[in-house]
């Protein structure tokens, strides 16, 4: 039979084990939620990379449209997004060739 000293020691060890199990479950749940958040961010990044070419074409088309139509509102909208549109003047060789004919 167990005496009181051994009983209390075993009871304390059992309580410690229950505490460690609860701690393990908490850490495991935290890791699962962090892994889910990381997976969600990774999916977003992968989708963004796939759409990068499309976004670039859209921005280029909008910039060309704003330059062609001299649309200041469209140019301001692009500037608000951090995109600067500069219009290159026509090449001098092309202008000189038209004047000689």
PDB file of N, CA and C in Angstrom:
ATOM      1  N   UNK A   1       0.827  -1.181   0.000  1.00  0.00           N
ATOM      2  CA  UNK A   1       0.000   0.000   0.000  1.00  0.00           C
ATOM      3  C   UNK A   1       0.873   1.245   0.000  1.00  0.00           C
ATOM      4  N   UNK A   2       0.240   2.327  -0.495  1.00  0.00           N
ATOM      5  CA  UNK A   2       0.940   3.603  -0.560  1.00  0.00           C
ATOM      6  C   UNK A   2       0.782   4.363   0.747  1.00  0.00           C
ATOM      7  N   UNK A   3       1.860   4.922   1.177  1.00  0.00           N
ATOM      8  CA  UNK A   3       1.737   5.810   2.328  1.00  0.00           C
ATOM      9  C   UNK A   3       1.393   7.209   1.831  1.00  0.00           C
ATOM     10  N   UNK A   4       1.127   8.120   2.692  1.00  0.00           N
ATOM     11  CA  UNK A   4       0.669   9.464   2.363  1.00  0.00           C
ATOM     12  C   UNK A   4       1.705  10.218   1.541  1.00  0.00           C
ATOM     13  N   UNK A   5       2.955  10.025   1.850  1.00  0.00           N
ATOM     14  CA  UNK A   5       4.025  10.741   1.142  1.00  0.00           C
ATOM     15  C   UNK A   5       4.066  10.332  -0.333  1.00  0.00           C
ATOM     16  N   UNK A   6       4.005   9.036  -0.607  1.00  0.00           N
ATOM     17  CA  UNK A   6       4.019   8.553  -1.990  1.00  0.00           C
ATOM     18  C   UNK A   6       2.739   8.936  -2.734  1.00  0.00           C
ATOM     19  N   UNK A   7       1.623   8.889  -2.030  1.00  0.00           N
ATOM     20  CA  UNK A   7       0.337   9.263  -2.630  1.00  0.00           C
ATOM     21  C   UNK A   7       0.366  10.716  -3.111  1.00  0.00           C
ATOM     22  N   UNK A   8       0.844  11.619  -2.263  1.00  0.00           N
ATOM     23  CA  UNK A   8       0.908  13.035  -2.621  1.00  0.00           C
ATOM     24  C   UNK A   8       1.906  13.279  -3.755  1.00  0.00           C
ATOM     25  N   UNK A   9       3.004  12.544  -3.761  1.00  0.00           N
ATOM     26  CA  UNK A   9       3.982  12.665  -4.843  1.00  0.00           C
ATOM     27  C   UNK A   9       3.370  12.236  -6.165  1.00  0.00           C
ATOM     28  N   UNK A  10       2.672  11.097  -6.177  1.00  0.00           N
ATOM     29  CA  UNK A  10       2.020  10.635  -7.399  1.00  0.00           C
ATOM     30  C   UNK A  10       0.897  11.574  -7.825  1.00  0.00           C
ATOM     31  N   UNK A  11       0.167  12.110  -6.886  1.00  0.00           N
ATOM     32  CA  UNK A  11      -0.903  13.057  -7.187  1.00  0.00           C
ATOM     33  C   UNK A  11      -0.324  14.334  -7.792  1.00  0.00           C
ATOM     34  N   UNK A  12       0.779  14.816  -7.256  1.00  0.00           N
ATOM     35  CA  UNK A  12       1.442  16.005  -7.797  1.00  0.00           C
ATOM     36  C   UNK A  12       1.974  15.761  -9.204  1.00  0.00           C
ATOM     37  N   UNK A  13       2.559  14.591  -9.425  1.00  0.00           N
ATOM     38  CA  UNK A  13       3.047  14.250 -10.768  1.00  0.00           C
ATOM     39  C   UNK A  13       1.902  14.135 -11.772  1.00  0.00           C
ATOM     40  N   UNK A  14       0.768  13.588 -11.343  1.00  0.00           N
ATOM     41  CA  UNK A  14      -0.401  13.480 -12.223  1.00  0.00           C
ATOM     42  C   UNK A  14      -0.937  14.878 -12.571  1.00  0.00           C
ATOM     43  N   UNK A  15      -0.967  15.753 -11.583  1.00  0.00           N
ATOM     44  CA  UNK A  15      -1.432  17.125 -11.823  1.00  0.00           C
ATOM     45  C   UNK A  15      -0.471  17.843 -12.774  1.00  0.00           C
ATOM     46  N   UNK A  16       0.826  17.635 -12.596  1.00  0.00           N
ATOM     47  CA  UNK A  16       1.817  18.227 -13.482  1.00  0.00           C
ATOM     48  C   UNK A  16       1.655  17.695 -14.907  1.00  0.00           C
ATOM     49  N   UNK A  17       1.399  16.411 -15.026  1.00  0.00           N
ATOM     50  CA  UNK A  17       1.190  15.815 -16.350  1.00  0.00           C
ATOM     51  C   UNK A  17      -0.054  16.402 -17.029  1.00  0.00           C
ATOM     52  N   UNK A  18      -1.123  16.579 -16.298  1.00  0.00           N
ATOM     53  CA  UNK A  18      -2.332  17.194 -16.864  1.00  0.00           C
ATOM     54  C   UNK A  18      -2.063  18.627 -17.303  1.00  0.00           C
ATOM     55  N   UNK A  19      -1.277  19.344 -16.509  1.00  0.00           N
ATOM     56  CA  UNK A  19      -0.926  20.714 -16.868  1.00  0.00           C
ATOM     57  C   UNK A  19      -0.099  20.741 -18.150  1.00  0.00           C
ATOM     58  N   UNK A  20       0.857  19.826 -18.271  1.00  0.00           N
ATOM     59  CA  UNK A  20       1.686  19.760 -19.481  1.00  0.00           C
ATOM     60  C   UNK A  20       0.868  19.365 -20.705  1.00  0.00           C
ATOM     61  N   UNK A  21      -0.094  18.487 -20.530  1.00  0.00           N
ATOM     62  CA  UNK A  21      -0.968  18.097 -21.653  1.00  0.00           C
ATOM     63  C   UNK A  21      -1.797  19.296 -22.102  1.00  0.00           C
ATOM     64  N   UNK A  22      -2.340  20.049 -21.159  1.00  0.00           N
ATOM     65  CA  UNK A  22      -3.123  21.237 -21.502  1.00  0.00           C
ATOM     66  C   UNK A  22      -2.249  22.261 -22.223  1.00  0.00           C
ATOM     67  N   UNK A  23      -1.027  22.431 -21.757  1.00  0.00           N
ATOM     68  CA  UNK A  23      -0.096  23.351 -22.406  1.00  0.00           C
ATOM     69  C   UNK A  23       0.222  22.887 -23.826  1.00  0.00           C
ATOM     70  N   UNK A  24       0.446  21.591 -24.005  1.00  0.00           N
ATOM     71  CA  UNK A  24       0.723  21.037 -25.329  1.00  0.00           C
ATOM     72  C   UNK A  24      -0.452  21.276 -26.279  1.00  0.00           C
ATOM     73  N   UNK A  25      -1.656  21.054 -25.802  1.00  0.00           N
ATOM     74  CA  UNK A  25      -2.848  21.265 -26.641  1.00  0.00           C
ATOM     75  C   UNK A  25      -2.947  22.733 -27.043  1.00  0.00           C
ATOM     76  N   UNK A  26      -2.684  23.644 -26.116  1.00  0.00           N
ATOM     77  CA  UNK A  26      -2.739  25.073 -26.433  1.00  0.00           C
ATOM     78  C   UNK A  26      -1.705  25.461 -27.480  1.00  0.00           C
ATOM     79  N   UNK A  27      -0.487  24.974 -27.330  1.00  0.00           N
ATOM     80  CA  UNK A  27       0.573  25.285 -28.294  1.00  0.00           C
ATOM     81  C   UNK A  27       0.236  24.680 -29.654  1.00  0.00           C
ATOM     82  N   UNK A  28      -0.306  23.467 -29.655  1.00  0.00           N
ATOM     83  CA  UNK A  28      -0.676  22.815 -30.912  1.00  0.00           C
ATOM     84  C   UNK A  28      -1.760  23.604 -31.643  1.00  0.00           C
ATOM     85  N   UNK A  29      -2.761  24.062 -30.925  1.00  0.00           N
ATOM     86  CA  UNK A  29      -3.831  24.858 -31.534  1.00  0.00           C
ATOM     87  C   UNK A  29      -3.287  26.166 -32.092  1.00  0.00           C
ATOM     88  N   UNK A  30      -2.384  26.785 -31.357  1.00  0.00           N
ATOM     89  CA  UNK A  30      -1.765  28.029 -31.822  1.00  0.00           C
ATOM     90  C   UNK A  30      -0.978  27.785 -33.108  1.00  0.00           C
ATOM     91  N   UNK A  31      -0.228  26.694 -33.154  1.00  0.00           N
ATOM     92  CA  UNK A  31       0.530  26.362 -34.360  1.00  0.00           C
ATOM     93  C   UNK A  31      -0.392  26.107 -35.546  1.00  0.00           C
ATOM     94  N   UNK A  32      -1.504  25.431 -35.318  1.00  0.00           N
ATOM     95  CA  UNK A  32      -2.447  25.162 -36.411  1.00  0.00           C
ATOM     96  C   UNK A  32      -3.020  26.454 -36.972  1.00  0.00           C
ATOM     97  N   UNK A  33      -3.370  27.395 -36.085  1.00  0.00           N
ATOM     98  CA  UNK A  33      -3.933  28.647 -36.574  1.00  0.00           C
ATOM     99  C   UNK A  33      -2.881  29.462 -37.319  1.00  0.00           C
ATOM    100  N   UNK A  34      -1.643  29.437 -36.851  1.00  0.00           N
ATOM    101  CA  UNK A  34      -0.572  30.151 -37.555  1.00  0.00           C
ATOM    102  C   UNK A  34      -0.285  29.514 -38.905  1.00  0.00           C
ATOM    103  N   UNK A  35      -0.291  28.201 -38.963  1.00  0.00           N
ATOM    104  CA  UNK A  35      -0.056  27.519 -40.240  1.00  0.00           C
ATOM    105  C   UNK A  35      -1.176  27.829 -41.236  1.00  0.00           C
ATOM    106  N   UNK A  36      -2.404  27.932 -40.764  1.00  0.00           N
ATOM    107  CA  UNK A  36      -3.520  28.281 -41.644  1.00  0.00           C
ATOM    108  C   UNK A  36      -3.353  29.700 -42.177  1.00  0.00           C
ATOM    109  N   UNK A  37      -2.925  30.626 -41.322  1.00  0.00           N
ATOM    110  CA  UNK A  37      -2.712  32.005 -41.766  1.00  0.00           C
ATOM    111  C   UNK A  37      -1.574  32.077 -42.782  1.00  0.00           C
ATOM    112  N   UNK A  38      -0.522  31.323 -42.561  1.00  0.00           N
ATOM    113  CA  UNK A  38       0.606  31.308 -43.494  1.00  0.00           C
ATOM    114  C   UNK A  38       0.175  30.724 -44.831  1.00  0.00           C
ATOM    115  N   UNK A  39      -0.600  29.661 -44.809  1.00  0.00           N
ATOM    116  CA  UNK A  39      -1.087  29.047 -46.048  1.00  0.00           C
ATOM    117  C   UNK A  39      -1.974  30.018 -46.817  1.00  0.00           C
ATOM    118  N   UNK A  40      -2.776  30.781 -46.097  1.00  0.00           N
ATOM    119  CA  UNK A  40      -3.650  31.767 -46.743  1.00  0.00           C
ATOM    120  C   UNK A  40      -2.826  32.863 -47.413  1.00  0.00           C
ATOM    121  N   UNK A  41      -1.795  33.349 -46.718  1.00  0.00           N
ATOM    122  CA  UNK A  41      -0.921  34.374 -47.307  1.00  0.00           C
ATOM    123  C   UNK A  41      -0.157  33.820 -48.503  1.00  0.00           C
ATOM    124  N   UNK A  42       0.285  32.573 -48.415  1.00  0.00           N
ATOM    125  CA  UNK A  42       1.024  31.968 -49.509  1.00  0.00           C
ATOM    126  C   UNK A  42       0.132  31.847 -50.750  1.00  0.00           C
ATOM    127  N   UNK A  43      -1.110  31.470 -50.563  1.00  0.00           N
ATOM    128  CA  UNK A  43      -2.050  31.387 -51.680  1.00  0.00           C
ATOM    129  C   UNK A  43      -2.255  32.754 -52.310  1.00  0.00           C
ATOM    130  N   UNK A  44      -2.404  33.792 -51.486  1.00  0.00           N
ATOM    131  CA  UNK A  44      -2.579  35.149 -52.002  1.00  0.00           C
ATOM    132  C   UNK A  44      -1.376  35.579 -52.822  1.00  0.00           C
ATOM    133  N   UNK A  45      -0.170  35.280 -52.333  1.00  0.00           N
ATOM    134  CA  UNK A  45       1.049  35.661 -53.055  1.00  0.00           C
ATOM    135  C   UNK A  45       1.133  34.925 -54.380  1.00  0.00           C
ATOM    136  N   UNK A  46       0.821  33.641 -54.388  1.00  0.00           N
ATOM    137  CA  UNK A  46       0.871  32.876 -55.630  1.00  0.00           C
ATOM    138  C   UNK A  46      -0.132  33.410 -56.643  1.00  0.00           C
ATOM    139  N   UNK A  47      -1.322  33.765 -56.195  1.00  0.00           N
ATOM    140  CA  UNK A  47      -2.321  34.315 -57.099  1.00  0.00           C
ATOM    141  C   UNK A  47      -1.892  35.683 -57.611  1.00  0.00           C
ATOM    142  N   UNK A  48      -1.254  36.478 -56.768  1.00  0.00           N
ATOM    143  CA  UNK A  48      -0.786  37.799 -57.182  1.00  0.00           C
ATOM    144  C   UNK A  48       0.283  37.688 -58.262  1.00  0.00           C
ATOM    145  N   UNK A  49       1.180  36.725 -58.116  1.00  0.00           N
ATOM    146  CA  UNK A  49       2.235  36.530 -59.103  1.00  0.00           C
ATOM    147  C   UNK A  49       1.625  36.130 -60.441  1.00  0.00           C
ATOM    148  N   UNK A  50       0.609  35.291 -60.406  1.00  0.00           N
ATOM    149  CA  UNK A  50      -0.046  34.857 -61.638  1.00  0.00           C
ATOM    150  C   UNK A  50      -0.732  36.027 -62.344  1.00  0.00           C
ATOM    151  N   UNK A  51      -1.250  36.985 -61.580  1.00  0.00           N
ATOM    152  CA  UNK A  51      -1.977  38.107 -62.160  1.00  0.00           C
ATOM    153  C   UNK A  51      -1.092  39.304 -62.472  1.00  0.00           C
ATOM    154  N   UNK A  52       0.187  39.239 -62.135  1.00  0.00           N
ATOM    155  CA  UNK A  52       1.081  40.379 -62.317  1.00  0.00           C
ATOM    156  C   UNK A  52       1.150  40.821 -63.775  1.00  0.00           C
ATOM    157  N   UNK A  53       1.246  39.895 -64.698  1.00  0.00           N
ATOM    158  CA  UNK A  53       1.297  40.241 -66.125  1.00  0.00           C
ATOM    159  C   UNK A  53       0.032  40.955 -66.576  1.00  0.00           C
ATOM    160  N   UNK A  54      -1.111  40.461 -66.106  1.00  0.00           N
ATOM    161  CA  UNK A  54      -2.385  41.103 -66.454  1.00  0.00           C
ATOM    162  C   UNK A  54      -2.454  42.517 -65.892  1.00  0.00           C
ATOM    163  N   UNK A  55      -2.043  42.692 -64.636  1.00  0.00           N
ATOM    164  CA  UNK A  55      -2.050  44.015 -64.024  1.00  0.00           C
ATOM    165  C   UNK A  55      -1.143  44.976 -64.788  1.00  0.00           C
ATOM    166  N   UNK A  56       0.023  44.485 -65.190  1.00  0.00           N
ATOM    167  CA  UNK A  56       0.969  45.318 -65.930  1.00  0.00           C
ATOM    168  C   UNK A  56       0.365  45.759 -67.265  1.00  0.00           C
ATOM    169  N   UNK A  57      -0.306  44.862 -67.954  1.00  0.00           N
ATOM    170  CA  UNK A  57      -0.949  45.209 -69.230  1.00  0.00           C
ATOM    171  C   UNK A  57      -2.071  46.220 -69.030  1.00  0.00           C
ATOM    172  N   UNK A  58      -2.836  46.056 -67.970  1.00  0.00           N
ATOM    173  CA  UNK A  58      -3.925  47.001 -67.685  1.00  0.00           C
ATOM    174  C   UNK A  58      -3.356  48.391 -67.428  1.00  0.00           C
ATOM    175  N   UNK A  59      -2.302  48.476 -66.621  1.00  0.00           N
ATOM    176  CA  UNK A  59      -1.702  49.773 -66.303  1.00  0.00           C
ATOM    177  C   UNK A  59      -1.116  50.401 -67.559  1.00  0.00           C
ATOM    178  N   UNK A  60      -0.437  49.594 -68.379  1.00  0.00           N
ATOM    179  CA  UNK A  60       0.154  50.120 -69.613  1.00  0.00           C
ATOM    180  C   UNK A  60      -0.943  50.637 -70.551  1.00  0.00           C
ATOM    181  N   UNK A  61      -2.043  49.896 -70.665  1.00  0.00           N
ATOM    182  CA  UNK A  61      -3.149  50.333 -71.523  1.00  0.00           C
ATOM    183  C   UNK A  61      -3.774  51.621 -71.007  1.00  0.00           C
ATOM    184  N   UNK A  62      -3.942  51.711 -69.688  1.00  0.00           N
ATOM    185  CA  UNK A  62      -4.506  52.943 -69.123  1.00  0.00           C
ATOM    186  C   UNK A  62      -3.571  54.126 -69.336  1.00  0.00           C
ATOM    187  N   UNK A  63      -2.266  53.906 -69.211  1.00  0.00           N
ATOM    188  CA  UNK A  63      -1.303  54.992 -69.423  1.00  0.00           C
ATOM    189  C   UNK A  63      -1.327  55.439 -70.881  1.00  0.00           C
ATOM    190  N   UNK A  64      -1.371  54.491 -71.804  1.00  0.00           N
ATOM    191  CA  UNK A  64      -1.442  54.852 -73.229  1.00  0.00           C
ATOM    192  C   UNK A  64      -2.732  55.590 -73.538  1.00  0.00           C
ATOM    193  N   UNK A  65      -3.816  55.143 -72.958  1.00  0.00           N
ATOM    194  CA  UNK A  65      -5.108  55.800 -73.179  1.00  0.00           C
ATOM    195  C   UNK A  65      -5.095  57.222 -72.634  1.00  0.00           C
ATOM    196  N   UNK A  66      -4.513  57.418 -71.454  1.00  0.00           N
ATOM    197  CA  UNK A  66      -4.469  58.773 -70.891  1.00  0.00           C
ATOM    198  C   UNK A  66      -3.584  59.675 -71.735  1.00  0.00           C
ATOM    199  N   UNK A  67      -2.502  59.147 -72.304  1.00  0.00           N
ATOM    200  CA  UNK A  67      -1.622  59.959 -73.145  1.00  0.00           C
ATOM    201  C   UNK A  67      -2.289  60.265 -74.484  1.00  0.00           C
ATOM    202  N   UNK A  68      -2.920  59.285 -75.084  1.00  0.00           N
ATOM    203  CA  UNK A  68      -3.550  59.460 -76.391  1.00  0.00           C
ATOM    204  C   UNK A  68      -4.702  60.462 -76.326  1.00  0.00           C
ATOM    205  N   UNK A  69      -5.524  60.362 -75.283  1.00  0.00           N
ATOM    206  CA  UNK A  69      -6.701  61.229 -75.169  1.00  0.00           C
ATOM    207  C   UNK A  69      -6.448  62.472 -74.332  1.00  0.00           C
ATOM    208  N   UNK A  70      -5.200  62.623 -73.831  1.00  0.00           N
ATOM    209  CA  UNK A  70      -4.853  63.747 -72.954  1.00  0.00           C
ATOM    210  C   UNK A  70      -5.849  63.847 -71.799  1.00  0.00           C
ATOM    211  N   UNK A  71      -6.108  62.699 -71.186  1.00  0.00           N
ATOM    212  CA  UNK A  71      -7.090  62.583 -70.107  1.00  0.00           C
ATOM    213  C   UNK A  71      -6.390  62.824 -68.761  1.00  0.00           C
ATOM    214  N   UNK A  72      -6.557  64.031 -68.227  1.00  0.00           N
ATOM    215  CA  UNK A  72      -5.904  64.387 -66.972  1.00  0.00           C
ATOM    216  C   UNK A  72      -6.518  63.647 -65.786  1.00  0.00           C
ATOM    217  N   UNK A  73      -7.811  63.347 -65.832  1.00  0.00           N
ATOM    218  CA  UNK A  73      -8.451  62.626 -64.723  1.00  0.00           C
ATOM    219  C   UNK A  73      -7.881  61.207 -64.617  1.00  0.00           C
ATOM    220  N   UNK A  74      -7.687  60.564 -65.752  1.00  0.00           N
ATOM    221  CA  UNK A  74      -7.107  59.218 -65.760  1.00  0.00           C
ATOM    222  C   UNK A  74      -5.651  59.263 -65.306  1.00  0.00           C
ATOM    223  N   UNK A  75      -4.926  60.271 -65.753  1.00  0.00           N
ATOM    224  CA  UNK A  75      -3.535  60.428 -65.341  1.00  0.00           C
ATOM    225  C   UNK A  75      -3.456  60.687 -63.827  1.00  0.00           C
ATOM    226  N   UNK A  76      -4.385  61.472 -63.284  1.00  0.00           N
ATOM    227  CA  UNK A  76      -4.417  61.740 -61.838  1.00  0.00           C
ATOM    228  C   UNK A  76      -4.748  60.472 -61.058  1.00  0.00           C
ATOM    229  N   UNK A  77      -5.653  59.651 -61.600  1.00  0.00           N
ATOM    230  CA  UNK A  77      -5.998  58.398 -60.942  1.00  0.00           C
ATOM    231  C   UNK A  77      -4.785  57.475 -60.894  1.00  0.00           C
ATOM    232  N   UNK A  78      -4.035  57.399 -61.989  1.00  0.00           N
ATOM    233  CA  UNK A  78      -2.817  56.582 -62.014  1.00  0.00           C
ATOM    234  C   UNK A  78      -1.774  57.146 -61.052  1.00  0.00           C
ATOM    235  N   UNK A  79      -1.659  58.457 -60.987  1.00  0.00           N
ATOM    236  CA  UNK A  79      -0.699  59.083 -60.082  1.00  0.00           C
ATOM    237  C   UNK A  79      -1.067  58.807 -58.621  1.00  0.00           C
ATOM    238  N   UNK A  80      -2.357  58.754 -58.331  1.00  0.00           N
ATOM    239  CA  UNK A  80      -2.796  58.453 -56.965  1.00  0.00           C
ATOM    240  C   UNK A  80      -2.375  57.041 -56.560  1.00  0.00           C
ATOM    241  N   UNK A  81      -2.184  56.174 -57.531  1.00  0.00           N
ATOM    242  CA  UNK A  81      -1.737  54.811 -57.255  1.00  0.00           C
ATOM    243  C   UNK A  81      -0.211  54.678 -57.325  1.00  0.00           C
ATOM    244  N   UNK A  82       0.472  55.794 -57.529  1.00  0.00           N
ATOM    245  CA  UNK A  82       1.935  55.782 -57.562  1.00  0.00           C
ATOM    246  C   UNK A  82       2.514  55.509 -58.938  1.00  0.00           C
ATOM    247  N   UNK A  83       1.721  55.679 -59.974  1.00  0.00           N
ATOM    248  CA  UNK A  83       2.162  55.415 -61.346  1.00  0.00           C
ATOM    249  C   UNK A  83       2.260  56.752 -62.070  1.00  0.00           C
ATOM    250  N   UNK A  84       3.460  57.093 -62.530  1.00  0.00           N
ATOM    251  CA  UNK A  84       3.642  58.344 -63.255  1.00  0.00           C
ATOM    252  C   UNK A  84       3.649  58.055 -64.746  1.00  0.00           C
ATOM    253  N   UNK A  85       2.956  58.892 -65.475  1.00  0.00           N
ATOM    254  CA  UNK A  85       2.850  58.739 -66.923  1.00  0.00           C
ATOM    255  C   UNK A  85       3.565  59.913 -67.563  1.00  0.00           C
ATOM    256  N   UNK A  86       4.563  59.628 -68.393  1.00  0.00           N
ATOM    257  CA  UNK A  86       5.256  60.669 -69.136  1.00  0.00           C
ATOM    258  C   UNK A  86       5.054  60.404 -70.617  1.00  0.00           C
ATOM    259  N   UNK A  87       4.814  61.450 -71.351  1.00  0.00           N
ATOM    260  CA  UNK A  87       4.591  61.339 -72.789  1.00  0.00           C
ATOM    261  C   UNK A  87       5.873  61.734 -73.494  1.00  0.00           C
ATOM    262  N   UNK A  88       6.391  60.829 -74.294  1.00  0.00           N
ATOM    263  CA  UNK A  88       7.594  61.130 -75.068  1.00  0.00           C
ATOM    264  C   UNK A  88       7.203  61.961 -76.289  1.00  0.00           C
ATOM    265  N   UNK A  89       7.951  63.027 -76.587  1.00  0.00           N
ATOM    266  CA  UNK A  89       7.639  63.810 -77.788  1.00  0.00           C
ATOM    267  C   UNK A  89       7.946  62.967 -79.031  1.00  0.00           C
ATOM    268  N   UNK A  90       7.293  63.285 -80.152  1.00  0.00           N
ATOM    269  CA  UNK A  90       7.570  62.509 -81.363  1.00  0.00           C
ATOM    270  C   UNK A  90       9.034  62.638 -81.762  1.00  0.00           C
ATOM    271  N   UNK A  91       9.527  61.609 -82.388  1.00  0.00           N
ATOM    272  CA  UNK A  91      10.931  61.589 -82.790  1.00  0.00           C
ATOM    273  C   UNK A  91      11.192  62.670 -83.830  1.00  0.00           C
ATOM    274  N   UNK A  92      12.314  63.415 -83.744  1.00  0.00           N
ATOM    275  CA  UNK A  92      12.614  64.490 -84.678  1.00  0.00           C
ATOM    276  C   UNK A  92      12.792  63.988 -86.109  1.00  0.00           C
ATOM    277  N   UNK A  93      13.300  62.797 -86.299  1.00  0.00           N
ATOM    278  CA  UNK A  93      13.517  62.254 -87.636  1.00  0.00           C
ATOM    279  C   UNK A  93      12.190  62.055 -88.353  1.00  0.00           C
ATOM    280  N   UNK A  94      11.188  61.604 -87.643  1.00  0.00           N
ATOM    281  CA  UNK A  94       9.888  61.386 -88.267  1.00  0.00           C
ATOM    282  C   UNK A  94       9.243  62.717 -88.650  1.00  0.00           C
ATOM    283  N   UNK A  95       9.410  63.733 -87.815  1.00  0.00           N
ATOM    284  CA  UNK A  95       8.839  65.057 -88.125  1.00  0.00           C
ATOM    285  C   UNK A  95       9.576  65.685 -89.287  1.00  0.00           C
ATOM    286  N   UNK A  96      10.896  65.546 -89.359  1.00  0.00           N
ATOM    287  CA  UNK A  96      11.669  66.145 -90.451  1.00  0.00           C
ATOM    288  C   UNK A  96      11.356  65.454 -91.770  1.00  0.00           C
ATOM    289  N   UNK A  97      11.113  64.168 -91.750  1.00  0.00           N
ATOM    290  CA  UNK A  97      10.797  63.430 -92.967  1.00  0.00           C
ATOM    291  C   UNK A  97       9.456  63.862 -93.557  1.00  0.00           C
ATOM    292  N   UNK A  98       8.500  64.220 -92.731  1.00  0.00           N
ATOM    293  CA  UNK A  98       7.198  64.647 -93.198  1.00  0.00           C
ATOM    294  C   UNK A  98       7.277  66.039 -93.795  1.00  0.00           C
ATOM    295  N   UNK A  99       8.141  66.923 -93.245  1.00  0.00           N
ATOM    296  CA  UNK A  99       8.255  68.286 -93.735  1.00  0.00           C
ATOM    297  C   UNK A  99       8.909  68.329 -95.125  1.00  0.00           C
ATOM    298  N   UNK A 100       9.812  67.426 -95.437  1.00  0.00           N
ATOM    299  CA  UNK A 100      10.534  67.448 -96.702  1.00  0.00           C
ATOM    300  C   UNK A 100       9.633  67.004 -97.840  1.00  0.00           C
ATOM    301  N   UNK A 101       8.640  66.205 -97.629  1.00  0.00           N
ATOM    302  CA  UNK A 101       7.783  65.691 -98.715  1.00  0.00           C
ATOM    303  C   UNK A 101       6.867  66.709 -99.220  1.00  0.00           C
TER     304      UNK A 101
END
